[in-house]
Amino acid sequence: HACELLARMHWKDEGALLAGLRANLSRPNALDRSHAAAALGSLHLSEATPDLLVLLEDSDPDVVRAAAQALTRLDESVALPAIRGALECFDWHETRRDLAVCLARLGDPIGVSVLLDGLDHRDDLLRKSSFDAFFSVTGVHMCYEPLAPREERLEKLALLRAWWAEEGGPDLLV
């Protein structure tokens, strides 16, 4: 909770704060590691980039997600290969979606491809969250409606895939 509070307060006493948060990155509890990673990203403490890169190999998906999001906030494109690697380690839709957003925000078009795949997920809420994430990084919707009947969704998804194949790339990501 202290990590969350420090981030919300935008606390910037970088000496002791940075040391404390970095120490939390190696604690045995995954919640401690993930909250410390999130705080480092929120506070834009780029000195911790090497530590955050190590967390992308953590076994806990929440720690990996927090580290990837922190590195994205720090605009650390050096993290792209490690985030791509982490994407391959997890099968959970939510984790893959969040890592895909990080990739896209760092300019890697692979993230958008993963999000497009999520637009045909069988679960309504997961499909909607994939669409929200896709729209947040591309600004494009082409009248895709995540809760529409599957036939209608697949028609619009085909348009989105064709658009991405034809015009997609890092320059189009918002």
C-alpha atoms as a PDB file:
ATOM      1  CA  HIS A   1       0.000   0.000   0.000  1.00  0.00           C
ATOM      2  CA  ALA A   2       2.910   2.319   0.679  1.00  0.00           C
ATOM      3  CA  CYS A   3       4.098   1.920  -2.925  1.00  0.00           C
ATOM      4  CA  GLU A   4       0.666   2.878  -4.238  1.00  0.00           C
ATOM      5  CA  LEU A   5       0.490   5.857  -1.892  1.00  0.00           C
ATOM      6  CA  LEU A   6       3.913   7.143  -2.938  1.00  0.00           C
ATOM      7  CA  ALA A   7       2.930   6.928  -6.592  1.00  0.00           C
ATOM      8  CA  ARG A   8      -0.376   8.718  -5.981  1.00  0.00           C
ATOM      9  CA  MET A   9       1.401  11.482  -4.084  1.00  0.00           C
ATOM     10  CA  HIS A  10       3.959  11.802  -6.902  1.00  0.00           C
ATOM     11  CA  TRP A  11       6.638  11.568  -4.228  1.00  0.00           C
ATOM     12  CA  LYS A  12      10.032  12.274  -5.752  1.00  0.00           C
ATOM     13  CA  ASP A  13      12.613  12.003  -2.960  1.00  0.00           C
ATOM     14  CA  GLU A  14      14.666   9.902  -5.327  1.00  0.00           C
ATOM     15  CA  GLY A  15      17.382   8.827  -2.897  1.00  0.00           C
ATOM     16  CA  ALA A  16      15.714   6.753  -0.213  1.00  0.00           C
ATOM     17  CA  LEU A  17      12.557   6.227  -2.249  1.00  0.00           C
ATOM     18  CA  LEU A  18      14.383   4.711  -5.194  1.00  0.00           C
ATOM     19  CA  ALA A  19      16.432   2.458  -2.920  1.00  0.00           C
ATOM     20  CA  GLY A  20      13.327   1.287  -1.058  1.00  0.00           C
ATOM     21  CA  LEU A  21      11.337   0.570  -4.192  1.00  0.00           C
ATOM     22  CA  ARG A  22      14.260  -1.250  -5.784  1.00  0.00           C
ATOM     23  CA  ALA A  23      14.577  -3.387  -2.642  1.00  0.00           C
ATOM     24  CA  ASN A  24      10.873  -4.270  -2.916  1.00  0.00           C
ATOM     25  CA  LEU A  25      11.450  -5.570  -6.451  1.00  0.00           C
ATOM     26  CA  SER A  26      13.274  -8.561  -5.009  1.00  0.00           C
ATOM     27  CA  ARG A  27      10.889  -9.392  -2.168  1.00  0.00           C
ATOM     28  CA  PRO A  28       9.461 -12.917  -2.103  1.00  0.00           C
ATOM     29  CA  ASN A  29       5.844 -11.718  -2.265  1.00  0.00           C
ATOM     30  CA  ALA A  30       4.690 -11.083  -5.845  1.00  0.00           C
ATOM     31  CA  LEU A  31       2.352  -8.321  -4.679  1.00  0.00           C
ATOM     32  CA  ASP A  32       5.306  -6.394  -3.239  1.00  0.00           C
ATOM     33  CA  ARG A  33       7.218  -6.762  -6.507  1.00  0.00           C
ATOM     34  CA  SER A  34       4.307  -5.724  -8.712  1.00  0.00           C
ATOM     35  CA  HIS A  35       3.399  -2.681  -6.597  1.00  0.00           C
ATOM     36  CA  ALA A  36       7.004  -1.528  -6.475  1.00  0.00           C
ATOM     37  CA  ALA A  37       7.283  -1.867 -10.255  1.00  0.00           C
ATOM     38  CA  ALA A  38       4.084   0.114 -10.752  1.00  0.00           C
ATOM     39  CA  ALA A  39       5.300   2.864  -8.420  1.00  0.00           C
ATOM     40  CA  LEU A  40       8.636   3.115 -10.231  1.00  0.00           C
ATOM     41  CA  GLY A  41       6.810   3.594 -13.514  1.00  0.00           C
ATOM     42  CA  SER A  42       4.310   6.080 -12.088  1.00  0.00           C
ATOM     43  CA  LEU A  43       7.094   8.144 -10.577  1.00  0.00           C
ATOM     44  CA  HIS A  44       9.132   7.968 -13.801  1.00  0.00           C
ATOM     45  CA  LEU A  45      12.211   6.663 -11.987  1.00  0.00           C
ATOM     46  CA  SER A  46      14.121   5.463 -15.032  1.00  0.00           C
ATOM     47  CA  GLU A  47      17.144   4.592 -12.895  1.00  0.00           C
ATOM     48  CA  ALA A  48      15.312   1.360 -12.098  1.00  0.00           C
ATOM     49  CA  THR A  49      15.053   0.282 -15.752  1.00  0.00           C
ATOM     50  CA  PRO A  50      17.593  -2.551 -15.376  1.00  0.00           C
ATOM     51  CA  ASP A  51      15.697  -3.912 -12.361  1.00  0.00           C
ATOM     52  CA  LEU A  52      12.385  -3.710 -14.199  1.00  0.00           C
ATOM     53  CA  LEU A  53      13.841  -5.548 -17.185  1.00  0.00           C
ATOM     54  CA  VAL A  54      14.753  -8.439 -14.875  1.00  0.00           C
ATOM     55  CA  LEU A  55      11.150  -8.610 -13.659  1.00  0.00           C
ATOM     56  CA  LEU A  56       9.952  -9.331 -17.199  1.00  0.00           C
ATOM     57  CA  GLU A  57      11.262 -12.859 -16.573  1.00  0.00           C
ATOM     58  CA  ASP A  58       9.351 -13.277 -13.295  1.00  0.00           C
ATOM     59  CA  SER A  59       7.075 -16.310 -12.989  1.00  0.00           C
ATOM     60  CA  ASP A  60       4.151 -14.236 -11.711  1.00  0.00           C
ATOM     61  CA  PRO A  61       2.029 -12.699 -14.501  1.00  0.00           C
ATOM     62  CA  ASP A  62       1.045  -9.682 -12.384  1.00  0.00           C
ATOM     63  CA  VAL A  63       4.693  -8.855 -11.738  1.00  0.00           C
ATOM     64  CA  VAL A  64       5.508  -9.159 -15.429  1.00  0.00           C
ATOM     65  CA  ARG A  65       2.510  -6.997 -16.355  1.00  0.00           C
ATOM     66  CA  ALA A  66       3.482  -4.314 -13.820  1.00  0.00           C
ATOM     67  CA  ALA A  67       7.100  -4.292 -14.996  1.00  0.00           C
ATOM     68  CA  ALA A  68       6.060  -4.030 -18.653  1.00  0.00           C
ATOM     69  CA  GLN A  69       3.638  -1.206 -17.877  1.00  0.00           C
ATOM     70  CA  ALA A  70       6.296   0.611 -15.850  1.00  0.00           C
ATOM     71  CA  LEU A  71       8.822   0.286 -18.669  1.00  0.00           C
ATOM     72  CA  THR A  72       6.186   1.565 -21.083  1.00  0.00           C
ATOM     73  CA  ARG A  73       5.571   4.609 -18.881  1.00  0.00           C
ATOM     74  CA  LEU A  74       9.324   5.166 -18.893  1.00  0.00           C
ATOM     75  CA  ASP A  75       9.247   4.886 -22.713  1.00  0.00           C
ATOM     76  CA  GLU A  76      11.969   2.251 -22.610  1.00  0.00           C
ATOM     77  CA  SER A  77      11.957   0.678 -26.073  1.00  0.00           C
ATOM     78  CA  VAL A  78      14.968  -1.361 -24.937  1.00  0.00           C
ATOM     79  CA  ALA A  79      12.342  -3.534 -23.208  1.00  0.00           C
ATOM     80  CA  LEU A  80      10.662  -4.602 -26.466  1.00  0.00           C
ATOM     81  CA  PRO A  81      12.482  -7.945 -26.910  1.00  0.00           C
ATOM     82  CA  ALA A  82      11.867  -8.917 -23.278  1.00  0.00           C
ATOM     83  CA  ILE A  83       8.177  -7.941 -23.452  1.00  0.00           C
ATOM     84  CA  ARG A  84       7.820  -9.976 -26.655  1.00  0.00           C
ATOM     85  CA  GLY A  85       9.413 -12.901 -24.819  1.00  0.00           C
ATOM     86  CA  ALA A  86       7.068 -12.465 -21.861  1.00  0.00           C
ATOM     87  CA  LEU A  87       4.093 -12.426 -24.230  1.00  0.00           C
ATOM     88  CA  GLU A  88       5.006 -15.948 -25.323  1.00  0.00           C
ATOM     89  CA  CYS A  89       5.210 -17.208 -21.726  1.00  0.00           C
ATOM     90  CA  PHE A  90       1.617 -16.574 -20.715  1.00  0.00           C
ATOM     91  CA  ASP A  91      -1.641 -17.957 -22.064  1.00  0.00           C
ATOM     92  CA  TRP A  92      -4.011 -15.822 -19.979  1.00  0.00           C
ATOM     93  CA  HIS A  93      -5.928 -13.448 -22.179  1.00  0.00           C
ATOM     94  CA  GLU A  94      -5.734 -10.521 -19.770  1.00  0.00           C
ATOM     95  CA  THR A  95      -1.963 -10.781 -19.400  1.00  0.00           C
ATOM     96  CA  ARG A  96      -1.422 -11.098 -23.150  1.00  0.00           C
ATOM     97  CA  ARG A  97      -3.740  -8.131 -23.782  1.00  0.00           C
ATOM     98  CA  ASP A  98      -1.876  -5.915 -21.346  1.00  0.00           C
ATOM     99  CA  LEU A  99       1.528  -6.923 -22.686  1.00  0.00           C
ATOM    100  CA  ALA A 100       0.271  -6.315 -26.229  1.00  0.00           C
ATOM    101  CA  VAL A 101      -0.772  -2.787 -25.247  1.00  0.00           C
ATOM    102  CA  CYS A 102       2.716  -2.191 -23.868  1.00  0.00           C
ATOM    103  CA  LEU A 103       4.277  -3.414 -27.100  1.00  0.00           C
ATOM    104  CA  ALA A 104       2.003  -1.191 -29.175  1.00  0.00           C
ATOM    105  CA  ARG A 105       2.636   1.870 -27.004  1.00  0.00           C
ATOM    106  CA  LEU A 106       6.361   1.305 -27.429  1.00  0.00           C
ATOM    107  CA  GLY A 107       5.862   1.178 -31.206  1.00  0.00           C
ATOM    108  CA  ASP A 108       5.903  -2.567 -31.841  1.00  0.00           C
ATOM    109  CA  PRO A 109       3.141  -3.571 -34.291  1.00  0.00           C
ATOM    110  CA  ILE A 110       3.104  -7.135 -32.907  1.00  0.00           C
ATOM    111  CA  GLY A 111       1.027  -5.779 -30.048  1.00  0.00           C
ATOM    112  CA  VAL A 112      -1.757  -4.734 -32.405  1.00  0.00           C
ATOM    113  CA  SER A 113      -1.827  -8.178 -34.018  1.00  0.00           C
ATOM    114  CA  VAL A 114      -2.342  -9.769 -30.597  1.00  0.00           C
ATOM    115  CA  LEU A 115      -5.137  -7.309 -29.820  1.00  0.00           C
ATOM    116  CA  LEU A 116      -6.811  -8.070 -33.155  1.00  0.00           C
ATOM    117  CA  ASP A 117      -6.788 -11.756 -32.253  1.00  0.00           C
ATOM    118  CA  GLY A 118      -8.618 -10.884 -29.037  1.00  0.00           C
ATOM    119  CA  LEU A 119     -11.483  -9.332 -31.011  1.00  0.00           C
ATOM    120  CA  ASP A 120     -12.830 -12.821 -31.722  1.00  0.00           C
ATOM    121  CA  HIS A 121     -12.592 -14.108 -28.152  1.00  0.00           C
ATOM    122  CA  ARG A 122     -15.596 -16.184 -27.081  1.00  0.00           C
ATOM    123  CA  ASP A 123     -16.031 -14.270 -23.798  1.00  0.00           C
ATOM    124  CA  ASP A 124     -17.924 -10.982 -24.197  1.00  0.00           C
ATOM    125  CA  LEU A 125     -16.030  -9.102 -21.490  1.00  0.00           C
ATOM    126  CA  LEU A 126     -12.599 -10.225 -22.639  1.00  0.00           C
ATOM    127  CA  ARG A 127     -13.494  -9.396 -26.235  1.00  0.00           C
ATOM    128  CA  LYS A 128     -14.696  -5.939 -25.144  1.00  0.00           C
ATOM    129  CA  SER A 129     -11.525  -5.326 -23.155  1.00  0.00           C
ATOM    130  CA  SER A 130      -9.477  -6.311 -26.208  1.00  0.00           C
ATOM    131  CA  PHE A 131     -11.418  -3.867 -28.337  1.00  0.00           C
ATOM    132  CA  ASP A 132     -10.984  -1.077 -25.780  1.00  0.00           C
ATOM    133  CA  ALA A 133      -7.253  -1.773 -25.750  1.00  0.00           C
ATOM    134  CA  PHE A 134      -7.089  -1.946 -29.570  1.00  0.00           C
ATOM    135  CA  PHE A 135      -8.941   1.352 -29.907  1.00  0.00           C
ATOM    136  CA  SER A 136      -6.737   2.997 -27.269  1.00  0.00           C
ATOM    137  CA  VAL A 137      -3.575   2.268 -29.267  1.00  0.00           C
ATOM    138  CA  THR A 138      -4.898   2.759 -32.808  1.00  0.00           C
ATOM    139  CA  GLY A 139      -7.856   5.152 -32.544  1.00  0.00           C
ATOM    140  CA  VAL A 140      -9.592   3.021 -35.201  1.00  0.00           C
ATOM    141  CA  HIS A 141     -12.868   1.124 -34.846  1.00  0.00           C
ATOM    142  CA  MET A 142     -14.449   0.734 -38.327  1.00  0.00           C
ATOM    143  CA  CYS A 143     -17.824   0.231 -36.616  1.00  0.00           C
ATOM    144  CA  TYR A 144     -16.654  -2.940 -34.870  1.00  0.00           C
ATOM    145  CA  GLU A 145     -19.012  -3.701 -32.004  1.00  0.00           C
ATOM    146  CA  PRO A 146     -17.635  -6.233 -29.509  1.00  0.00           C
ATOM    147  CA  LEU A 147     -21.107  -7.290 -28.344  1.00  0.00           C
ATOM    148  CA  ALA A 148     -22.657  -7.679 -31.810  1.00  0.00           C
ATOM    149  CA  PRO A 149     -23.559 -11.099 -33.182  1.00  0.00           C
ATOM    150  CA  ARG A 150     -20.496 -13.076 -34.262  1.00  0.00           C
ATOM    151  CA  GLU A 151     -21.213 -12.829 -38.014  1.00  0.00           C
ATOM    152  CA  GLU A 152     -21.305  -9.024 -37.824  1.00  0.00           C
ATOM    153  CA  ARG A 153     -18.200  -8.943 -35.645  1.00  0.00           C
ATOM    154  CA  LEU A 154     -16.242 -11.159 -38.009  1.00  0.00           C
ATOM    155  CA  GLU A 155     -17.156  -8.919 -40.948  1.00  0.00           C
ATOM    156  CA  LYS A 156     -15.854  -5.828 -39.147  1.00  0.00           C
ATOM    157  CA  LEU A 157     -12.861  -7.732 -37.802  1.00  0.00           C
ATOM    158  CA  ALA A 158     -11.949  -8.635 -41.390  1.00  0.00           C
ATOM    159  CA  LEU A 159     -12.030  -4.922 -42.254  1.00  0.00           C
ATOM    160  CA  LEU A 160      -9.801  -4.109 -39.272  1.00  0.00           C
ATOM    161  CA  ARG A 161      -7.339  -6.858 -40.189  1.00  0.00           C
ATOM    162  CA  ALA A 162      -7.236  -5.686 -43.805  1.00  0.00           C
ATOM    163  CA  TRP A 163      -6.675  -2.100 -42.677  1.00  0.00           C
ATOM    164  CA  TRP A 164      -3.853  -3.160 -40.371  1.00  0.00           C
ATOM    165  CA  ALA A 165      -2.247  -5.381 -43.029  1.00  0.00           C
ATOM    166  CA  GLU A 166      -2.394  -2.602 -45.598  1.00  0.00           C
ATOM    167  CA  GLU A 167      -1.702   0.517 -43.580  1.00  0.00           C
ATOM    168  CA  GLY A 168      -0.641  -0.620 -40.136  1.00  0.00           C
ATOM    169  CA  GLY A 169       2.667   0.103 -38.536  1.00  0.00           C
ATOM    170  CA  PRO A 170       4.347   1.988 -35.721  1.00  0.00           C
ATOM    171  CA  ASP A 171       3.500   5.385 -37.236  1.00  0.00           C
ATOM    172  CA  LEU A 172      -0.220   4.742 -36.785  1.00  0.00           C
ATOM    173  CA  LEU A 173      -0.066   3.922 -33.088  1.00  0.00           C
ATOM    174  CA  VAL A 174      -1.349   6.602 -30.722  1.00  0.00           C
END
